[in-house]
Protein backbone atom coordinates (compact mmCIF):
# COMPACT_ATOMS: atom_id res chain seq x y z
CA MET A 1 0.00 0.00 0.00
CA THR A 2 1.00 3.66 -0.37
CA GLY A 3 1.09 4.67 3.28
CA ARG A 4 -0.87 7.80 2.37
CA LEU A 5 -2.47 7.81 5.85
CA ASP A 6 0.73 7.43 7.87
CA GLY A 7 0.27 8.86 11.34
CA HIS A 8 -3.45 9.49 10.93
CA VAL A 9 -6.16 8.35 13.32
CA ALA A 10 -9.43 7.16 11.81
CA VAL A 11 -12.76 6.37 13.44
CA VAL A 12 -14.90 3.90 11.48
CA THR A 13 -18.44 3.17 12.64
CA GLY A 14 -19.88 -0.21 11.80
CA GLY A 15 -16.32 -1.46 11.63
CA GLY A 16 -17.13 -4.92 12.96
CA GLY A 17 -18.06 -6.45 9.61
CA GLY A 18 -18.90 -5.99 5.95
CA ILE A 19 -17.76 -2.79 4.27
CA GLY A 20 -16.81 -1.20 7.59
CA GLU A 21 -14.36 -3.97 8.33
CA ALA A 22 -12.86 -3.55 4.87
CA TYR A 23 -12.36 0.18 5.58
CA CYS A 24 -10.62 -0.60 8.87
CA ARG A 25 -8.25 -3.08 7.28
CA ARG A 26 -7.39 -0.77 4.39
CA PHE A 27 -6.80 2.19 6.70
CA VAL A 28 -4.33 0.17 8.74
CA ASP A 29 -2.63 -0.97 5.54
CA GLU A 30 -2.28 2.70 4.61
CA GLY A 31 -0.56 3.52 7.90
CA ALA A 32 -3.44 4.77 10.04
CA LYS A 33 -4.47 3.91 13.57
CA VAL A 34 -8.11 2.89 13.65
CA ALA A 35 -10.92 2.94 16.18
CA VAL A 36 -13.22 0.07 15.22
CA VAL A 37 -16.59 1.36 16.41
CA ASP A 38 -19.52 -1.03 16.50
CA ILE A 39 -22.63 -1.86 18.49
CA GLY A 40 -21.67 -5.53 18.29
CA ARG A 41 -19.07 -6.23 20.92
CA GLU A 42 -17.95 -9.65 19.71
CA GLN A 43 -17.46 -8.89 16.05
CA GLY A 44 -15.96 -5.46 16.69
CA SER A 45 -13.48 -6.86 19.17
CA GLU A 46 -12.48 -9.61 16.77
CA VAL A 47 -11.71 -7.14 13.99
CA ALA A 48 -9.72 -4.86 16.27
CA GLU A 49 -7.74 -7.75 17.75
CA SER A 50 -6.89 -9.03 14.27
CA LEU A 51 -5.38 -5.64 13.43
CA GLY A 52 -3.05 -5.70 16.42
CA ASP A 53 -1.65 -2.56 18.02
CA ASP A 54 -2.92 -0.36 15.18
CA ALA A 55 -6.56 -0.70 16.21
CA VAL A 56 -8.82 -0.51 19.22
CA PHE A 57 -12.44 -1.56 19.58
CA VAL A 58 -14.91 0.96 20.96
CA HIS A 59 -18.45 -0.12 21.69
CA CYS A 60 -21.04 2.45 20.60
CA ASP A 61 -24.72 2.79 19.80
CA ILE A 62 -24.54 5.74 17.42
CA SER A 63 -28.23 6.55 17.91
CA ASP A 64 -27.62 7.28 21.61
CA GLU A 65 -25.86 10.54 22.40
CA THR A 66 -24.48 9.33 25.73
CA SER A 67 -22.93 6.33 24.00
CA VAL A 68 -21.49 8.55 21.26
CA ASP A 69 -19.92 10.93 23.76
CA ALA A 70 -18.38 7.98 25.61
CA CYS A 71 -17.02 6.72 22.28
CA ARG A 72 -15.39 10.08 21.63
CA ASP A 73 -13.82 10.12 25.08
CA ALA A 74 -12.45 6.59 24.62
CA VAL A 75 -10.94 7.38 21.22
CA LEU A 76 -9.29 10.58 22.40
CA GLU A 77 -7.99 8.89 25.55
CA THR A 78 -6.42 6.14 23.42
CA PHE A 79 -5.08 8.10 20.46
CA GLY A 80 -5.13 11.73 21.60
CA THR A 81 -6.64 13.00 18.37
CA VAL A 82 -8.69 12.10 15.32
CA ASP A 83 -8.06 12.90 11.67
CA CYS A 84 -10.89 11.10 9.89
CA LEU A 85 -14.41 10.00 10.74
CA VAL A 86 -16.07 7.43 8.49
CA ASN A 87 -19.80 7.32 9.23
CA ASN A 88 -20.47 3.85 7.90
CA ALA A 89 -22.84 2.31 10.47
CA ALA A 90 -26.48 2.10 9.38
CA LEU A 91 -29.53 -0.11 9.54
CA TYR A 92 -29.34 -2.18 6.38
CA GLY A 93 -28.99 -5.91 6.84
CA GLU A 94 -31.21 -5.65 9.92
CA LEU A 95 -33.92 -3.60 8.20
CA ASP A 96 -37.45 -4.84 8.65
CA LEU A 97 -38.86 -4.05 5.22
CA GLY A 98 -42.29 -5.18 6.32
CA ASP A 99 -42.57 -2.60 9.07
CA GLN A 100 -44.11 0.45 7.44
CA SER A 101 -45.00 2.24 10.68
CA VAL A 102 -44.05 5.81 11.47
CA ASP A 103 -42.30 4.63 14.63
CA TYR A 104 -40.03 2.39 12.59
CA LEU A 105 -39.32 5.18 10.12
CA ARG A 106 -38.20 7.33 13.05
CA HIS A 107 -36.02 4.49 14.32
CA VAL A 108 -34.24 4.18 10.99
CA TYR A 109 -33.68 7.95 10.96
CA ASP A 110 -32.27 7.74 14.49
CA VAL A 111 -29.55 5.37 13.32
CA ASN A 112 -28.92 6.31 9.69
CA VAL A 113 -29.09 10.10 9.94
CA ILE A 114 -29.12 11.31 13.53
CA GLY A 115 -26.40 8.77 14.36
CA GLN A 116 -24.12 10.32 11.73
CA TRP A 117 -24.89 13.81 13.04
CA LEU A 118 -24.12 12.77 16.62
CA MET A 119 -20.77 11.32 15.58
CA CYS A 120 -19.93 14.51 13.69
CA ARG A 121 -20.93 16.62 16.69
CA ALA A 122 -18.66 14.52 18.89
CA PHE A 123 -15.54 14.44 16.70
CA ALA A 124 -15.62 17.57 14.53
CA PRO A 125 -14.50 19.92 17.35
CA THR A 126 -11.18 18.09 17.64
CA MET A 127 -10.66 18.44 13.88
CA VAL A 128 -11.59 22.13 13.98
CA ARG A 129 -9.11 22.83 16.77
CA LYS A 130 -6.26 21.16 14.89
CA GLY A 131 -7.18 22.86 11.60
CA ARG A 132 -7.53 19.67 9.59
CA GLY A 133 -9.96 16.80 9.33
CA ARG A 134 -11.92 14.55 7.03
CA ILE A 135 -15.52 13.38 7.40
CA VAL A 136 -16.69 10.67 5.04
CA ASN A 137 -20.38 9.88 5.26
CA ILE A 138 -21.61 6.68 3.67
CA GLY A 139 -24.79 7.15 1.68
CA SER A 140 -26.20 4.89 -1.00
CA ILE A 141 -27.42 5.07 -4.57
CA ALA A 142 -30.73 4.02 -3.00
CA GLY A 143 -31.11 7.74 -2.30
CA TYR A 144 -31.30 8.30 -6.06
CA LEU A 145 -33.16 5.26 -7.39
CA PRO A 146 -36.90 4.53 -7.20
CA LEU A 147 -36.23 0.97 -6.10
CA GLY A 148 -39.92 0.17 -5.77
CA ALA A 149 -40.20 0.36 -9.55
CA LEU A 150 -38.16 -2.83 -9.85
CA ALA A 151 -40.96 -4.82 -8.22
CA GLY A 152 -43.45 -4.08 -11.01
CA PRO A 153 -47.13 -3.20 -10.65
CA GLY A 154 -49.15 -4.53 -7.74
CA ASP A 155 -52.82 -4.67 -6.90
CA PRO A 156 -54.17 -1.07 -6.82
CA GLU A 157 -56.87 -2.10 -4.35
CA ALA A 158 -54.23 -3.29 -1.87
CA TRP A 159 -51.81 -0.42 -2.42
CA SER A 160 -50.62 1.86 0.39
CA LEU A 161 -47.78 4.35 0.56
CA GLY A 162 -44.54 2.86 1.87
CA ASN A 163 -42.26 4.77 4.21
CA TYR A 164 -39.14 4.21 2.08
CA ALA A 165 -37.15 4.37 5.29
CA TYR A 166 -33.75 3.39 3.89
CA GLN A 167 -34.07 5.51 0.76
CA GLN A 168 -35.19 8.57 2.73
CA THR A 169 -32.34 8.37 5.19
CA LYS A 170 -29.67 7.84 2.57
CA PHE A 171 -30.80 10.91 0.65
CA ALA A 172 -30.84 12.85 3.92
CA VAL A 173 -27.16 11.97 4.36
CA LEU A 174 -26.40 14.02 1.26
CA GLY A 175 -28.00 17.11 2.79
CA LEU A 176 -26.15 16.57 6.05
CA THR A 177 -22.86 16.33 4.18
CA ARG A 178 -23.37 19.58 2.32
CA GLN A 179 -24.23 21.47 5.48
CA LEU A 180 -21.18 20.02 7.24
CA ALA A 181 -18.98 21.07 4.32
CA GLY A 182 -20.31 24.61 4.43
CA GLU A 183 -19.82 24.88 8.17
CA LEU A 184 -16.44 23.16 8.53
CA GLY A 185 -14.56 23.98 5.34
CA LYS A 186 -13.18 27.26 6.69
CA TYR A 187 -11.47 25.28 9.45
CA GLY A 188 -9.69 22.90 7.08
CA VAL A 189 -12.22 20.12 7.64
CA THR A 190 -13.93 18.55 4.65
CA ALA A 191 -17.10 16.46 4.45
CA ASN A 192 -18.01 14.23 1.54
CA THR A 193 -20.30 11.31 0.82
CA ILE A 194 -19.59 7.96 -0.78
CA ALA A 195 -22.74 6.48 -2.31
CA PRO A 196 -22.14 2.76 -2.89
CA GLY A 197 -24.17 0.69 -5.26
CA LEU A 198 -25.05 -2.90 -4.50
CA VAL A 199 -22.12 -4.30 -2.51
CA MET A 200 -22.03 -8.05 -2.05
CA THR A 201 -21.86 -8.52 1.72
CA PRO A 202 -23.72 -10.73 4.19
CA ALA A 203 -26.05 -7.77 4.88
CA THR A 204 -26.92 -7.59 1.18
CA ASP A 205 -27.63 -11.31 1.14
CA LYS A 206 -30.29 -10.70 3.81
CA GLN A 207 -32.04 -7.88 1.95
CA VAL A 208 -31.76 -8.53 -1.77
CA PRO A 209 -34.10 -11.16 -3.23
CA GLY A 210 -32.56 -13.93 -5.30
CA GLY A 211 -31.77 -12.78 -8.82
CA PHE A 212 -32.01 -9.06 -8.07
CA ASP A 213 -28.25 -8.84 -7.66
CA GLN A 214 -27.94 -9.66 -11.36
CA VAL A 215 -30.59 -7.06 -12.20
CA PHE A 216 -28.48 -4.41 -10.48
CA ALA A 217 -25.34 -5.64 -12.20
CA ASP A 218 -27.00 -5.44 -15.61
CA MET A 219 -28.12 -1.86 -14.86
CA SER A 220 -24.54 -0.69 -14.31
CA ALA A 221 -22.02 0.31 -16.96
CA SER A 222 -19.48 -2.11 -15.47
CA LYS A 223 -21.92 -5.05 -15.56
CA ARG A 224 -20.98 -6.27 -12.12
CA ASN A 225 -21.78 -5.54 -8.52
CA SER A 226 -19.18 -4.31 -6.08
CA GLN A 227 -17.23 -6.09 -3.40
CA ALA A 228 -16.44 -4.39 -0.09
CA GLU A 229 -12.85 -3.79 -1.16
CA ASP A 230 -14.07 -1.72 -4.14
CA MET A 231 -15.28 0.95 -1.70
CA CYS A 232 -11.94 1.37 0.06
CA GLY A 233 -9.92 3.31 -2.51
CA PRO A 234 -12.38 6.23 -2.75
CA VAL A 235 -12.66 6.45 1.05
CA VAL A 236 -8.88 6.43 1.49
CA PHE A 237 -8.63 9.23 -1.08
CA LEU A 238 -11.22 11.32 0.76
CA ALA A 239 -9.40 10.68 4.04
CA SER A 240 -6.04 11.74 2.63
CA ASP A 241 -4.37 15.09 1.99
CA ASP A 242 -4.94 14.56 -1.74
CA SER A 243 -8.61 15.44 -1.28
CA ALA A 244 -8.04 18.81 0.40
CA MET A 245 -10.13 20.68 -2.19
CA VAL A 246 -12.86 18.05 -2.51
CA ASN A 247 -15.64 19.20 -0.22
CA GLY A 248 -19.41 18.72 -0.05
CA GLN A 249 -19.35 16.19 -2.86
CA VAL A 250 -21.14 12.90 -3.50
CA ILE A 251 -19.15 10.18 -5.22
CA CYS A 252 -21.25 7.31 -6.53
CA VAL A 253 -19.17 4.13 -6.37
CA ASP A 254 -21.46 1.75 -8.20
CA GLY A 255 -19.78 0.78 -11.46
CA GLY A 256 -21.73 3.39 -13.39
CA ASN A 257 -25.30 2.76 -12.30
CA VAL A 258 -26.19 6.27 -11.13
CA MET A 259 -24.44 9.05 -13.01
CA PRO A 260 -25.56 12.37 -11.47
CA ALA A 261 -24.55 15.50 -13.36
């Protein structure tokens, strides 16, 4: 690897598996120290232990502000600073697509949007004080695509409006990112969003019906779906000094499925 993150400290939420784990491993390969943040104690601890002295596990429920503040304190006590926050944790594999209640919609917002905001509120002040920092929020091309259209027409007599919980929250991440960029840019802190396409992880296996993975692959210019490792290069770039003038942007990493102007 290039070592382009030598001496940096990164915080990765949802680092205990899937894409988050891939981010943690790549950051360490690039020379960073990593806080593996996850609500799952066992899997988060296993990832951190496998990375040796370059990583520490921090338990956190990002939807709970007390837990987030404790996470911040633990990271700063261990590493003394933070250079990059990757807001990767979200309800995805655990989504209950059958729950269309308002209460569940609020719950998904609590994790997928408010959780990212809480983490930014906790860690951005350290970046502001040092005059440099990188925030990488993980969105999704689901914020752009009318995924319900893939299911085809249903029975009009049985139709009701869905809450589109995942899609709503992932589009909200884009707005959060732009506001963060406008607020923090003058302090040398950037905020950008990575919007992955369909990434083949165990969480995807839980949510994507059989055969739909090929539908998504056929829709993309690259004619394949992504692996977790495909997401790492763009995130490392946004975490590095090379991205100093990239701010408030959304980068779709989906093989050419969504191509926003």
